[in-house]
């Protein structure tokens, strides 16, 4: 038990140090994602961009298109990235969505561009930052750090960046049903 605690503690310290070392890159990617509008039904551009970036980060990734749902804008893509485990473990999926809420009138009233991706004092501003483009970005950076540490989980890890969260979670259901 003590060995497991030590391994987890060391892994956590490694992940946090890698994330801190890559903070500017992480914040930059969040900003880039925010600058790509991804209102419901308009996720294709951000999904294609993210797919390319996570492959550049070294992930095995695919662009999955949700085609068989009765939703507006058929063919809505999302990204699934994989870290293959050593075998014998459960699969764990980190799941986040790419579609954002419609633009609030508050943006118009304030004069702020909802898709600026403006960075100020290490904070990213714009629609979708907190819900949930920053979280999706953090999933990728954290898993990259885990892989770089040499730790290999027994089970596979999937990071899913799905469309259609605002359609009752249809993107998540589609990804899970697709295997």
Foldseek 3Di string as FASTA:
>chain_A
DVVVVVVVVVLVVQLVVLCVVCLVVLLVQLLVLLLQAAAALRQVVSQVVVQVVLVVLVWDKDWDFQAPDPDPNGRHIKMKTKDAAQADDAEAEAEAESHWYPDDCVCVVVVPDQSRLDADPSDGHHTCSVRPSSPLSSVSSSVSSSVVVVDGHRHMYMYIHFGDVVVVHVRVVSVVVVD
